[in-house]
Amino acid sequence: MTFKPNRRSALAASAATALLLIASQASADTWPSKPVKIVVPFAPGGTTDILARAVAPELSKAFGQQFIVDNRAGAGGNIGAELVAKAPNDGYTLLMGTVGTHGINRALYKSLPFDPIKDFVPITLVAAVPNVMEMNAEKAKQLGIANVQDFVKYLKANPNRLNMASSGSGTSIHLSGELFKSMTGTQMTHVPYKGSGPALMDMVAGNADVMFDNLPSSMQQIKGGKLVALAVTSSQRSTALPDVPTVEEAGGPALKGYEASSWFGLLAPAGTSPEIVNKVQQAVAKSLGTPEVKEKMQAQGAIPSGNTPAQFTKLIADEHVKWAKVVKDSGATVD
C-alpha cells in the first residue's frame, strides 16, 4: 500500500520545519553563550599559533566570551582540520586554516579524512605572509654561505648534506623548499616536524640546517642573530625585512618566477549559520583594522586582511589550482 500524506501531516511537517528555522535563528542570535574553541592544527610557536593567539583575545573582547586556542598538531595540519570538519556546526569550534590544510594537502595526499571545500565554510582571511629562506647563522658562517647562490653552489657539490626542516609534510614551508629543489636541481633531506615551533628549536640548536619558515614565527630569531635570512619567498621584498632579497632576485636565472607565500584564515564546519559566520568576519575585520593590531602584525611580516567569506572562498579555490601545479611540477611527496 502506498502512503499518501494528508493535509494534516503536511501541515505538521511544515510546522516542524518552521520551528527548526526559528530555533536555528534563535541560536545564531544568542551566539556565543559559552566559550568558543579555535583549533590550531600545528604545535605552539609557529605562525598559525601566533595569529590565532593575536585574534582570540580580540574576539573575546568583541563577544564577551572566551575564545580558546586549542593546538592539535600532526599530519601536516590534517589532524586538527579533520577535528573541526567533524565538529558540530554550532559556531563553537573554529579552525585557523592554512594554505597547507586548504590549498596544498588535497593535491599532496592520496586521500584525506575530510574535504577542504565541502566540509568547511570560509569565514575570513586573517593574514598573508611570505616565507623566509633561512639558515642557522653559525652553520652558514661555517660553510661560507652568505647568499642564495652560495647555498645552491654548496648543495650541488654536497647533495643531501643539509637537512631541510619544515612544520610538517605538505605545508607551504615544505613545498617552498621542494619548489626550490626542483628549480635548482638540488637535493636536501626533508625533516618534517609538528609545527614551526619545534622545527625552529632545532634550527637554533644547529640540529637542522635550512628552513623556508613563515616569516612571523622566525622574526625574533632572525633579529636576534640566531638565524640568517637568505631570501624571502614572495614576489616582492617584505617591509619587515627590506634588506633581504626575494629568492628570485638572489637566485639568478634558475629561480626566475619563484614565488611561494602562505596565508592563514578562520573557517567553520559546513552548515554553520551565515549569521554566525558574518559576526565573526566583521569582528575580525574590525580588530585587524585597528592601528595597534595592524602594526603588530606588519612588524612580524604579516599582511592583515579580514576579507569577506565570499572573497576568502574564491582565494581557497584559486589556491587549490595553484598548489596542485606546484606539487606536480616539483614532484613533492608526503614522507
C-alpha atoms as a PDB file:
ATOM      1  CA  MET A   1       0.000   0.000   0.000  1.00  0.00           C
ATOM      2  CA  THR A   2       1.352   3.421  -0.976  1.00  0.00           C
ATOM      3  CA  PHE A   3       1.384   6.036   1.742  1.00  0.00           C
ATOM      4  CA  LYS A   4      -0.137   9.368   0.696  1.00  0.00           C
ATOM      5  CA  PRO A   5       0.449  12.266   3.053  1.00  0.00           C
ATOM      6  CA  ASN A   6      -2.761  14.047   4.000  1.00  0.00           C
ATOM      7  CA  ARG A   7      -3.234  17.747   4.611  1.00  0.00           C
ATOM      8  CA  ARG A   8      -2.769  17.341   8.372  1.00  0.00           C
ATOM      9  CA  SER A   9       0.614  15.560   8.070  1.00  0.00           C
ATOM     10  CA  ALA A  10       1.814  18.115   5.504  1.00  0.00           C
ATOM     11  CA  LEU A  11       0.918  20.952   7.854  1.00  0.00           C
ATOM     12  CA  ALA A  12       2.699  19.184  10.701  1.00  0.00           C
ATOM     13  CA  ALA A  13       5.852  18.804   8.581  1.00  0.00           C
ATOM     14  CA  SER A  14       5.738  22.481   7.621  1.00  0.00           C
ATOM     15  CA  ALA A  15       5.325  23.477  11.253  1.00  0.00           C
ATOM     16  CA  ALA A  16       8.282  21.320  12.270  1.00  0.00           C
ATOM     17  CA  THR A  17      10.456  22.891   9.590  1.00  0.00           C
ATOM     18  CA  ALA A  18       9.406  26.370  10.706  1.00  0.00           C
ATOM     19  CA  LEU A  19      10.271  25.528  14.321  1.00  0.00           C
ATOM     20  CA  LEU A  20      13.721  24.307  13.263  1.00  0.00           C
ATOM     21  CA  LEU A  21      14.320  27.527  11.361  1.00  0.00           C
ATOM     22  CA  ILE A  22      13.190  29.594  14.352  1.00  0.00           C
ATOM     23  CA  ALA A  23      15.427  27.574  16.682  1.00  0.00           C
ATOM     24  CA  SER A  24      18.389  28.000  14.328  1.00  0.00           C
ATOM     25  CA  GLN A  25      17.834  31.760  14.148  1.00  0.00           C
ATOM     26  CA  ALA A  26      17.492  31.977  17.922  1.00  0.00           C
ATOM     27  CA  SER A  27      20.762  30.056  18.295  1.00  0.00           C
ATOM     28  CA  ALA A  28      22.531  32.454  15.917  1.00  0.00           C
ATOM     29  CA  ASP A  29      21.056  35.460  17.740  1.00  0.00           C
ATOM     30  CA  THR A  30      22.313  34.279  21.142  1.00  0.00           C
ATOM     31  CA  TRP A  31      25.706  33.039  19.940  1.00  0.00           C
ATOM     32  CA  PRO A  32      28.089  32.871  21.689  1.00  0.00           C
ATOM     33  CA  SER A  33      26.617  31.815  25.014  1.00  0.00           C
ATOM     34  CA  LYS A  34      29.697  29.788  26.030  1.00  0.00           C
ATOM     35  CA  PRO A  35      33.440  29.705  25.187  1.00  0.00           C
ATOM     36  CA  VAL A  36      34.475  29.178  21.559  1.00  0.00           C
ATOM     37  CA  LYS A  37      37.386  26.950  20.559  1.00  0.00           C
ATOM     38  CA  ILE A  38      39.838  27.951  17.789  1.00  0.00           C
ATOM     39  CA  VAL A  39      41.690  24.820  16.690  1.00  0.00           C
ATOM     40  CA  VAL A  40      45.274  25.406  15.532  1.00  0.00           C
ATOM     41  CA  PRO A  41      46.402  22.339  13.543  1.00  0.00           C
ATOM     42  CA  PHE A  42      50.077  22.830  14.436  1.00  0.00           C
ATOM     43  CA  ALA A  43      52.218  22.979  17.576  1.00  0.00           C
ATOM     44  CA  PRO A  44      52.589  26.196  19.617  1.00  0.00           C
ATOM     45  CA  GLY A  45      55.153  28.758  18.486  1.00  0.00           C
ATOM     46  CA  GLY A  46      54.501  28.771  14.740  1.00  0.00           C
ATOM     47  CA  THR A  47      52.790  31.459  12.682  1.00  0.00           C
ATOM     48  CA  THR A  48      49.410  29.675  12.714  1.00  0.00           C
ATOM     49  CA  ASP A  49      49.541  29.686  16.501  1.00  0.00           C
ATOM     50  CA  ILE A  50      50.832  33.274  16.697  1.00  0.00           C
ATOM     51  CA  LEU A  51      47.996  34.605  14.519  1.00  0.00           C
ATOM     52  CA  ALA A  52      45.322  32.594  16.343  1.00  0.00           C
ATOM     53  CA  ARG A  53      46.554  33.977  19.668  1.00  0.00           C
ATOM     54  CA  ALA A  54      46.516  37.501  18.231  1.00  0.00           C
ATOM     55  CA  VAL A  55      42.907  37.165  17.062  1.00  0.00           C
ATOM     56  CA  ALA A  56      41.453  35.206  20.007  1.00  0.00           C
ATOM     57  CA  PRO A  57      41.584  37.999  22.636  1.00  0.00           C
ATOM     58  CA  GLU A  58      40.110  40.473  20.138  1.00  0.00           C
ATOM     59  CA  LEU A  59      37.150  38.133  19.570  1.00  0.00           C
ATOM     60  CA  SER A  60      36.811  37.607  23.326  1.00  0.00           C
ATOM     61  CA  LYS A  61      36.505  41.382  23.787  1.00  0.00           C
ATOM     62  CA  ALA A  62      34.051  41.709  20.905  1.00  0.00           C
ATOM     63  CA  PHE A  63      31.671  38.975  22.064  1.00  0.00           C
ATOM     64  CA  GLY A  64      32.131  38.837  25.827  1.00  0.00           C
ATOM     65  CA  GLN A  65      33.002  35.135  25.742  1.00  0.00           C
ATOM     66  CA  GLN A  66      36.349  33.417  25.906  1.00  0.00           C
ATOM     67  CA  PHE A  67      37.898  32.275  22.616  1.00  0.00           C
ATOM     68  CA  ILE A  68      40.325  29.457  23.442  1.00  0.00           C
ATOM     69  CA  VAL A  69      43.235  28.344  21.230  1.00  0.00           C
ATOM     70  CA  ASP A  70      43.487  24.547  21.058  1.00  0.00           C
ATOM     71  CA  ASN A  71      46.634  23.120  19.399  1.00  0.00           C
ATOM     72  CA  ARG A  72      46.034  19.802  17.606  1.00  0.00           C
ATOM     73  CA  ALA A  73      49.220  19.118  15.655  1.00  0.00           C
ATOM     74  CA  GLY A  74      50.093  16.371  13.209  1.00  0.00           C
ATOM     75  CA  ALA A  75      49.877  15.082   9.634  1.00  0.00           C
ATOM     76  CA  GLY A  76      50.611  18.435   8.019  1.00  0.00           C
ATOM     77  CA  GLY A  77      47.629  20.045   9.739  1.00  0.00           C
ATOM     78  CA  ASN A  78      45.184  17.289   8.771  1.00  0.00           C
ATOM     79  CA  ILE A  79      44.502  16.074  12.320  1.00  0.00           C
ATOM     80  CA  GLY A  80      43.249  19.460  13.518  1.00  0.00           C
ATOM     81  CA  ALA A  81      41.377  20.144  10.288  1.00  0.00           C
ATOM     82  CA  GLU A  82      39.570  16.793  10.481  1.00  0.00           C
ATOM     83  CA  LEU A  83      38.549  17.517  14.079  1.00  0.00           C
ATOM     84  CA  VAL A  84      36.841  20.756  13.015  1.00  0.00           C
ATOM     85  CA  ALA A  85      35.335  19.245   9.851  1.00  0.00           C
ATOM     86  CA  LYS A  86      33.542  16.667  12.014  1.00  0.00           C
ATOM     87  CA  ALA A  87      32.603  19.047  14.844  1.00  0.00           C
ATOM     88  CA  PRO A  88      29.022  20.309  15.375  1.00  0.00           C
ATOM     89  CA  ASN A  89      28.237  23.280  13.124  1.00  0.00           C
ATOM     90  CA  ASP A  90      27.054  25.432  16.014  1.00  0.00           C
ATOM     91  CA  GLY A  91      29.819  28.047  15.830  1.00  0.00           C
ATOM     92  CA  TYR A  92      31.658  26.833  18.923  1.00  0.00           C
ATOM     93  CA  THR A  93      34.521  25.114  17.066  1.00  0.00           C
ATOM     94  CA  LEU A  94      36.516  27.102  14.506  1.00  0.00           C
ATOM     95  CA  LEU A  95      39.717  26.334  12.599  1.00  0.00           C
ATOM     96  CA  MET A  96      42.716  28.523  11.899  1.00  0.00           C
ATOM     97  CA  GLY A  97      43.254  27.025   8.464  1.00  0.00           C
ATOM     98  CA  THR A  98      46.319  27.494   6.314  1.00  0.00           C
ATOM     99  CA  VAL A  99      47.468  27.288   2.721  1.00  0.00           C
ATOM    100  CA  GLY A 100      48.529  23.751   3.667  1.00  0.00           C
ATOM    101  CA  THR A 101      45.244  22.462   5.052  1.00  0.00           C
ATOM    102  CA  HIS A 102      43.094  24.229   2.442  1.00  0.00           C
ATOM    103  CA  GLY A 103      45.344  24.817  -0.566  1.00  0.00           C
ATOM    104  CA  ILE A 104      48.008  22.105  -0.744  1.00  0.00           C
ATOM    105  CA  ASN A 105      47.061  18.904   1.058  1.00  0.00           C
ATOM    106  CA  ARG A 106      44.331  17.712  -1.297  1.00  0.00           C
ATOM    107  CA  ALA A 107      46.905  17.626  -4.118  1.00  0.00           C
ATOM    108  CA  LEU A 108      49.683  16.136  -1.963  1.00  0.00           C
ATOM    109  CA  TYR A 109      47.875  13.385  -0.046  1.00  0.00           C
ATOM    110  CA  LYS A 110      46.351  10.391  -1.832  1.00  0.00           C
ATOM    111  CA  SER A 111      43.349  10.589   0.478  1.00  0.00           C
ATOM    112  CA  LEU A 112      42.164  12.968   3.184  1.00  0.00           C
ATOM    113  CA  PRO A 113      39.728  12.245   6.038  1.00  0.00           C
ATOM    114  CA  PHE A 114      37.893  15.475   5.154  1.00  0.00           C
ATOM    115  CA  ASP A 115      37.083  17.569   2.100  1.00  0.00           C
ATOM    116  CA  PRO A 116      38.692  21.032   2.421  1.00  0.00           C
ATOM    117  CA  ILE A 117      35.978  22.540   0.212  1.00  0.00           C
ATOM    118  CA  LYS A 118      32.751  20.723   1.108  1.00  0.00           C
ATOM    119  CA  ASP A 119      33.352  20.240   4.849  1.00  0.00           C
ATOM    120  CA  PHE A 120      34.047  23.887   5.727  1.00  0.00           C
ATOM    121  CA  VAL A 121      32.591  27.351   5.343  1.00  0.00           C
ATOM    122  CA  PRO A 122      35.291  30.047   4.985  1.00  0.00           C
ATOM    123  CA  ILE A 123      34.918  32.983   7.380  1.00  0.00           C
ATOM    124  CA  THR A 124      37.801  35.347   6.653  1.00  0.00           C
ATOM    125  CA  LEU A 125      41.443  35.503   5.658  1.00  0.00           C
ATOM    126  CA  VAL A 126      43.342  36.691   8.734  1.00  0.00           C
ATOM    127  CA  ALA A 127      46.722  37.349   7.155  1.00  0.00           C
ATOM    128  CA  ALA A 128      49.072  36.538   4.305  1.00  0.00           C
ATOM    129  CA  VAL A 129      52.806  36.170   4.917  1.00  0.00           C
ATOM    130  CA  PRO A 130      55.941  35.477   2.911  1.00  0.00           C
ATOM    131  CA  ASN A 131      58.124  32.557   3.882  1.00  0.00           C
ATOM    132  CA  VAL A 132      61.783  33.211   4.615  1.00  0.00           C
ATOM    133  CA  MET A 133      64.673  31.032   3.460  1.00  0.00           C
ATOM    134  CA  GLU A 134      66.922  30.872   6.492  1.00  0.00           C
ATOM    135  CA  MET A 135      69.873  29.010   7.956  1.00  0.00           C
ATOM    136  CA  ASN A 136      71.395  28.546  11.356  1.00  0.00           C
ATOM    137  CA  ALA A 137      73.745  31.550  11.495  1.00  0.00           C
ATOM    138  CA  GLU A 138      76.755  29.594  12.785  1.00  0.00           C
ATOM    139  CA  LYS A 139      76.275  26.820  10.216  1.00  0.00           C
ATOM    140  CA  ALA A 140      76.027  29.335   7.355  1.00  0.00           C
ATOM    141  CA  LYS A 141      79.248  31.055   8.502  1.00  0.00           C
ATOM    142  CA  GLN A 142      80.992  27.720   8.926  1.00  0.00           C
ATOM    143  CA  LEU A 143      80.077  26.620   5.395  1.00  0.00           C
ATOM    144  CA  GLY A 144      80.809  30.016   3.804  1.00  0.00           C
ATOM    145  CA  ILE A 145      77.206  30.547   2.725  1.00  0.00           C
ATOM    146  CA  ALA A 146      76.302  34.246   2.597  1.00  0.00           C
ATOM    147  CA  ASN A 147      73.559  34.245  -0.038  1.00  0.00           C
ATOM    148  CA  VAL A 148      71.272  32.087  -2.161  1.00  0.00           C
ATOM    149  CA  GLN A 149      73.836  31.478  -4.898  1.00  0.00           C
ATOM    150  CA  ASP A 150      76.393  30.309  -2.316  1.00  0.00           C
ATOM    151  CA  PHE A 151      73.720  27.982  -0.959  1.00  0.00           C
ATOM    152  CA  VAL A 152      72.952  26.471  -4.386  1.00  0.00           C
ATOM    153  CA  LYS A 153      76.659  26.045  -5.113  1.00  0.00           C
ATOM    154  CA  TYR A 154      77.145  24.173  -1.834  1.00  0.00           C
ATOM    155  CA  LEU A 155      74.152  21.888  -2.465  1.00  0.00           C
ATOM    156  CA  LYS A 156      75.343  20.994  -5.956  1.00  0.00           C
ATOM    157  CA  ALA A 157      78.724  19.981  -4.524  1.00  0.00           C
ATOM    158  CA  ASN A 158      77.194  18.260  -1.483  1.00  0.00           C
ATOM    159  CA  PRO A 159      73.806  16.684  -2.354  1.00  0.00           C
ATOM    160  CA  ASN A 160      71.654  15.745   0.655  1.00  0.00           C
ATOM    161  CA  ARG A 161      74.293  17.001   3.110  1.00  0.00           C
ATOM    162  CA  LEU A 162      71.906  19.631   4.517  1.00  0.00           C
ATOM    163  CA  ASN A 163      68.697  18.933   6.435  1.00  0.00           C
ATOM    164  CA  MET A 164      65.624  20.948   5.419  1.00  0.00           C
ATOM    165  CA  ALA A 165      63.272  21.396   8.368  1.00  0.00           C
ATOM    166  CA  SER A 166      59.548  22.060   7.908  1.00  0.00           C
ATOM    167  CA  SER A 167      56.422  22.438  10.020  1.00  0.00           C
ATOM    168  CA  GLY A 168      55.084  19.206   8.505  1.00  0.00           C
ATOM    169  CA  SER A 169      54.714  17.386   5.219  1.00  0.00           C
ATOM    170  CA  GLY A 170      52.502  19.258   2.800  1.00  0.00           C
ATOM    171  CA  THR A 171      52.776  22.659   4.457  1.00  0.00           C
ATOM    172  CA  SER A 172      53.805  25.726   2.472  1.00  0.00           C
ATOM    173  CA  ILE A 173      57.112  25.591   4.346  1.00  0.00           C
ATOM    174  CA  HIS A 174      57.731  22.089   2.960  1.00  0.00           C
ATOM    175  CA  LEU A 175      56.513  22.954  -0.547  1.00  0.00           C
ATOM    176  CA  SER A 176      58.581  26.158  -0.683  1.00  0.00           C
ATOM    177  CA  GLY A 177      61.673  24.009  -0.191  1.00  0.00           C
ATOM    178  CA  GLU A 178      60.528  21.375  -2.672  1.00  0.00           C
ATOM    179  CA  LEU A 179      59.926  24.046  -5.301  1.00  0.00           C
ATOM    180  CA  PHE A 180      63.407  25.450  -4.632  1.00  0.00           C
ATOM    181  CA  LYS A 181      64.950  21.980  -5.038  1.00  0.00           C
ATOM    182  CA  SER A 182      63.025  21.358  -8.243  1.00  0.00           C
ATOM    183  CA  MET A 183      64.003  24.664  -9.868  1.00  0.00           C
ATOM    184  CA  THR A 184      67.688  24.438  -8.905  1.00  0.00           C
ATOM    185  CA  GLY A 185      68.160  20.694  -9.419  1.00  0.00           C
ATOM    186  CA  THR A 186      69.500  20.284  -5.864  1.00  0.00           C
ATOM    187  CA  GLN A 187      68.833  17.815  -3.056  1.00  0.00           C
ATOM    188  CA  MET A 188      68.207  18.304   0.677  1.00  0.00           C
ATOM    189  CA  THR A 189      66.946  15.827   3.269  1.00  0.00           C
ATOM    190  CA  HIS A 190      63.442  16.839   4.379  1.00  0.00           C
ATOM    191  CA  VAL A 191      62.775  16.594   8.121  1.00  0.00           C
ATOM    192  CA  PRO A 192      59.099  17.284   8.988  1.00  0.00           C
ATOM    193  CA  TYR A 193      58.088  18.473  12.467  1.00  0.00           C
ATOM    194  CA  LYS A 194      54.670  19.007  14.079  1.00  0.00           C
ATOM    195  CA  GLY A 195      54.871  22.763  13.619  1.00  0.00           C
ATOM    196  CA  SER A 196      57.298  25.642  13.155  1.00  0.00           C
ATOM    197  CA  GLY A 197      57.920  25.922  16.907  1.00  0.00           C
ATOM    198  CA  PRO A 198      59.694  22.558  17.312  1.00  0.00           C
ATOM    199  CA  ALA A 199      61.465  22.962  13.950  1.00  0.00           C
ATOM    200  CA  LEU A 200      62.812  26.384  14.968  1.00  0.00           C
ATOM    201  CA  MET A 201      64.150  24.979  18.231  1.00  0.00           C
ATOM    202  CA  ASP A 202      66.263  22.520  16.234  1.00  0.00           C
ATOM    203  CA  MET A 203      67.285  25.237  13.772  1.00  0.00           C
ATOM    204  CA  VAL A 204      68.569  27.436  16.596  1.00  0.00           C
ATOM    205  CA  ALA A 205      70.297  24.465  18.239  1.00  0.00           C
ATOM    206  CA  GLY A 206      72.053  23.616  14.967  1.00  0.00           C
ATOM    207  CA  ASN A 207      70.315  20.260  14.548  1.00  0.00           C
ATOM    208  CA  ALA A 208      68.588  21.440  11.355  1.00  0.00           C
ATOM    209  CA  ASP A 209      70.312  23.430   8.627  1.00  0.00           C
ATOM    210  CA  VAL A 210      67.770  25.280   6.485  1.00  0.00           C
ATOM    211  CA  MET A 211      64.087  26.167   6.651  1.00  0.00           C
ATOM    212  CA  PHE A 212      61.615  28.080   4.490  1.00  0.00           C
ATOM    213  CA  ASP A 213      59.630  29.252   7.506  1.00  0.00           C
ATOM    214  CA  ASN A 214      56.655  31.616   7.707  1.00  0.00           C
ATOM    215  CA  LEU A 215      58.267  34.958   8.476  1.00  0.00           C
ATOM    216  CA  PRO A 216      56.370  35.891  11.698  1.00  0.00           C
ATOM    217  CA  SER A 217      57.477  32.794  13.622  1.00  0.00           C
ATOM    218  CA  SER A 218      61.145  33.295  12.656  1.00  0.00           C
ATOM    219  CA  MET A 219      61.372  37.067  13.005  1.00  0.00           C
ATOM    220  CA  GLN A 220      62.606  37.074  16.608  1.00  0.00           C
ATOM    221  CA  GLN A 221      65.394  34.578  15.912  1.00  0.00           C
ATOM    222  CA  ILE A 222      66.463  36.455  12.765  1.00  0.00           C
ATOM    223  CA  LYS A 223      66.612  39.764  14.642  1.00  0.00           C
ATOM    224  CA  GLY A 224      68.453  38.042  17.480  1.00  0.00           C
ATOM    225  CA  GLY A 225      71.123  36.755  15.109  1.00  0.00           C
ATOM    226  CA  LYS A 226      70.485  33.071  15.726  1.00  0.00           C
ATOM    227  CA  LEU A 227      69.182  32.605  12.166  1.00  0.00           C
ATOM    228  CA  VAL A 228      70.307  34.321   8.980  1.00  0.00           C
ATOM    229  CA  ALA A 229      67.701  35.210   6.353  1.00  0.00           C
ATOM    230  CA  LEU A 230      68.988  34.473   2.844  1.00  0.00           C
ATOM    231  CA  ALA A 231      65.800  35.475   0.976  1.00  0.00           C
ATOM    232  CA  VAL A 232      62.030  35.804   1.205  1.00  0.00           C
ATOM    233  CA  THR A 233      59.839  33.572  -0.947  1.00  0.00           C
ATOM    234  CA  SER A 234      57.332  36.238  -2.036  1.00  0.00           C
ATOM    235  CA  SER A 235      57.401  38.051  -5.376  1.00  0.00           C
ATOM    236  CA  GLN A 236      58.286  41.320  -3.592  1.00  0.00           C
ATOM    237  CA  ARG A 237      60.504  42.125  -0.625  1.00  0.00           C
ATOM    238  CA  SER A 238      58.920  42.209   2.815  1.00  0.00           C
ATOM    239  CA  THR A 239      58.586  45.597   4.503  1.00  0.00           C
ATOM    240  CA  ALA A 240      59.534  43.820   7.747  1.00  0.00           C
ATOM    241  CA  LEU A 241      62.914  42.776   6.234  1.00  0.00           C
ATOM    242  CA  PRO A 242      63.501  45.343   3.484  1.00  0.00           C
ATOM    243  CA  ASP A 243      67.191  44.497   3.065  1.00  0.00           C
ATOM    244  CA  VAL A 244      66.531  40.798   2.409  1.00  0.00           C
ATOM    245  CA  PRO A 245      66.092  39.999  -1.314  1.00  0.00           C
ATOM    246  CA  THR A 246      63.479  37.705  -2.804  1.00  0.00           C
ATOM    247  CA  VAL A 247      64.524  34.203  -3.865  1.00  0.00           C
ATOM    248  CA  GLU A 248      64.022  35.263  -7.482  1.00  0.00           C
ATOM    249  CA  GLU A 249      66.236  38.341  -7.031  1.00  0.00           C
ATOM    250  CA  ALA A 250      69.005  36.474  -5.273  1.00  0.00           C
ATOM    251  CA  GLY A 251      68.926  33.172  -7.127  1.00  0.00           C
ATOM    252  CA  GLY A 252      69.704  34.094 -10.696  1.00  0.00           C
ATOM    253  CA  PRO A 253      68.104  32.643 -13.867  1.00  0.00           C
ATOM    254  CA  ALA A 254      67.345  29.216 -12.372  1.00  0.00           C
ATOM    255  CA  LEU A 255      64.943  30.753  -9.855  1.00  0.00           C
ATOM    256  CA  LYS A 256      63.200  33.221 -12.146  1.00  0.00           C
ATOM    257  CA  GLY A 257      59.468  33.195 -11.318  1.00  0.00           C
ATOM    258  CA  TYR A 258      59.919  31.563  -7.896  1.00  0.00           C
ATOM    259  CA  GLU A 259      57.078  32.539  -5.532  1.00  0.00           C
ATOM    260  CA  ALA A 260      55.578  30.646  -2.599  1.00  0.00           C
ATOM    261  CA  SER A 261      53.733  32.664   0.040  1.00  0.00           C
ATOM    262  CA  SER A 262      51.496  31.496   2.872  1.00  0.00           C
ATOM    263  CA  TRP A 263      48.111  32.518   4.257  1.00  0.00           C
ATOM    264  CA  PHE A 264      46.028  31.850   7.364  1.00  0.00           C
ATOM    265  CA  GLY A 265      42.289  32.198   7.891  1.00  0.00           C
ATOM    266  CA  LEU A 266      39.325  31.201  10.014  1.00  0.00           C
ATOM    267  CA  LEU A 267      36.884  28.517   8.881  1.00  0.00           C
ATOM    268  CA  ALA A 268      33.892  26.779  10.458  1.00  0.00           C
ATOM    269  CA  PRO A 269      32.274  23.379   9.872  1.00  0.00           C
ATOM    270  CA  ALA A 270      29.971  23.257   6.839  1.00  0.00           C
ATOM    271  CA  GLY A 271      26.414  24.249   7.664  1.00  0.00           C
ATOM    272  CA  THR A 272      27.378  26.843  10.269  1.00  0.00           C
ATOM    273  CA  SER A 273      24.816  29.660  10.328  1.00  0.00           C
ATOM    274  CA  PRO A 274      25.639  32.532   7.936  1.00  0.00           C
ATOM    275  CA  GLU A 275      24.720  34.921  10.763  1.00  0.00           C
ATOM    276  CA  ILE A 276      27.470  33.463  12.969  1.00  0.00           C
ATOM    277  CA  VAL A 277      29.962  33.438  10.096  1.00  0.00           C
ATOM    278  CA  ASN A 278      29.252  37.109   9.362  1.00  0.00           C
ATOM    279  CA  LYS A 279      29.501  38.075  13.035  1.00  0.00           C
ATOM    280  CA  VAL A 280      32.982  36.538  13.294  1.00  0.00           C
ATOM    281  CA  GLN A 281      34.159  38.015   9.991  1.00  0.00           C
ATOM    282  CA  GLN A 282      33.042  41.511  10.955  1.00  0.00           C
ATOM    283  CA  ALA A 283      34.683  41.278  14.388  1.00  0.00           C
ATOM    284  CA  VAL A 284      37.974  40.041  12.903  1.00  0.00           C
ATOM    285  CA  ALA A 285      37.962  42.719  10.189  1.00  0.00           C
ATOM    286  CA  LYS A 286      37.337  45.418  12.796  1.00  0.00           C
ATOM    287  CA  SER A 287      40.178  44.225  15.040  1.00  0.00           C
ATOM    288  CA  LEU A 288      42.631  43.858  12.135  1.00  0.00           C
ATOM    289  CA  GLY A 289      41.823  47.421  11.116  1.00  0.00           C
ATOM    290  CA  THR A 290      42.925  48.912  14.433  1.00  0.00           C
ATOM    291  CA  PRO A 291      46.372  50.574  14.344  1.00  0.00           C
ATOM    292  CA  GLU A 292      47.613  48.512  17.308  1.00  0.00           C
ATOM    293  CA  VAL A 293      46.855  45.083  15.804  1.00  0.00           C
ATOM    294  CA  LYS A 294      47.786  46.103  12.255  1.00  0.00           C
ATOM    295  CA  GLU A 295      51.174  47.489  13.291  1.00  0.00           C
ATOM    296  CA  LYS A 296      51.917  44.465  15.458  1.00  0.00           C
ATOM    297  CA  MET A 297      51.232  42.070  12.571  1.00  0.00           C
ATOM    298  CA  GLN A 298      53.115  44.111   9.990  1.00  0.00           C
ATOM    299  CA  ALA A 299      56.149  44.285  12.275  1.00  0.00           C
ATOM    300  CA  GLN A 300      56.181  40.487  12.215  1.00  0.00           C
ATOM    301  CA  GLY A 301      55.968  40.394   8.421  1.00  0.00           C
ATOM    302  CA  ALA A 302      52.255  39.514   8.221  1.00  0.00           C
ATOM    303  CA  ILE A 303      49.814  41.403   5.991  1.00  0.00           C
ATOM    304  CA  PRO A 304      46.414  41.561   7.790  1.00  0.00           C
ATOM    305  CA  SER A 305      43.245  41.037   5.748  1.00  0.00           C
ATOM    306  CA  GLY A 306      39.775  40.430   7.247  1.00  0.00           C
ATOM    307  CA  ASN A 307      38.151  39.916   3.830  1.00  0.00           C
ATOM    308  CA  THR A 308      34.585  38.656   3.292  1.00  0.00           C
ATOM    309  CA  PRO A 309      33.556  34.986   3.302  1.00  0.00           C
ATOM    310  CA  ALA A 310      32.952  35.171  -0.462  1.00  0.00           C
ATOM    311  CA  GLN A 311      36.416  36.623  -1.102  1.00  0.00           C
ATOM    312  CA  PHE A 312      38.069  34.016   1.123  1.00  0.00           C
ATOM    313  CA  THR A 313      36.121  31.233  -0.642  1.00  0.00           C
ATOM    314  CA  LYS A 314      37.476  32.396  -4.013  1.00  0.00           C
ATOM    315  CA  LEU A 315      41.028  32.584  -2.655  1.00  0.00           C
ATOM    316  CA  ILE A 316      40.836  28.975  -1.456  1.00  0.00           C
ATOM    317  CA  ALA A 317      39.520  27.788  -4.840  1.00  0.00           C
ATOM    318  CA  ASP A 318      42.327  29.628  -6.660  1.00  0.00           C
ATOM    319  CA  GLU A 319      44.957  28.262  -4.291  1.00  0.00           C
ATOM    320  CA  HIS A 320      43.856  24.669  -4.983  1.00  0.00           C
ATOM    321  CA  VAL A 321      44.657  25.190  -8.652  1.00  0.00           C
ATOM    322  CA  LYS A 322      47.987  26.939  -8.000  1.00  0.00           C
ATOM    323  CA  TRP A 323      49.375  24.454  -5.493  1.00  0.00           C
ATOM    324  CA  ALA A 324      48.238  21.364  -7.386  1.00  0.00           C
ATOM    325  CA  LYS A 325      50.545  22.542 -10.181  1.00  0.00           C
ATOM    326  CA  VAL A 326      53.404  23.212  -7.731  1.00  0.00           C
ATOM    327  CA  VAL A 327      53.015  19.714  -6.253  1.00  0.00           C
ATOM    328  CA  LYS A 328      53.008  18.130  -9.704  1.00  0.00           C
ATOM    329  CA  ASP A 329      55.907  20.169 -11.109  1.00  0.00           C
ATOM    330  CA  SER A 330      58.100  19.727  -8.014  1.00  0.00           C
ATOM    331  CA  GLY A 331      57.407  16.011  -7.662  1.00  0.00           C
ATOM    332  CA  ALA A 332      56.798  16.550  -3.926  1.00  0.00           C
ATOM    333  CA  THR A 333      55.542  13.569  -1.938  1.00  0.00           C
ATOM    334  CA  VAL A 334      54.403  13.015   1.634  1.00  0.00           C
ATOM    335  CA  ASP A 335      57.224  11.471   3.675  1.00  0.00           C
END
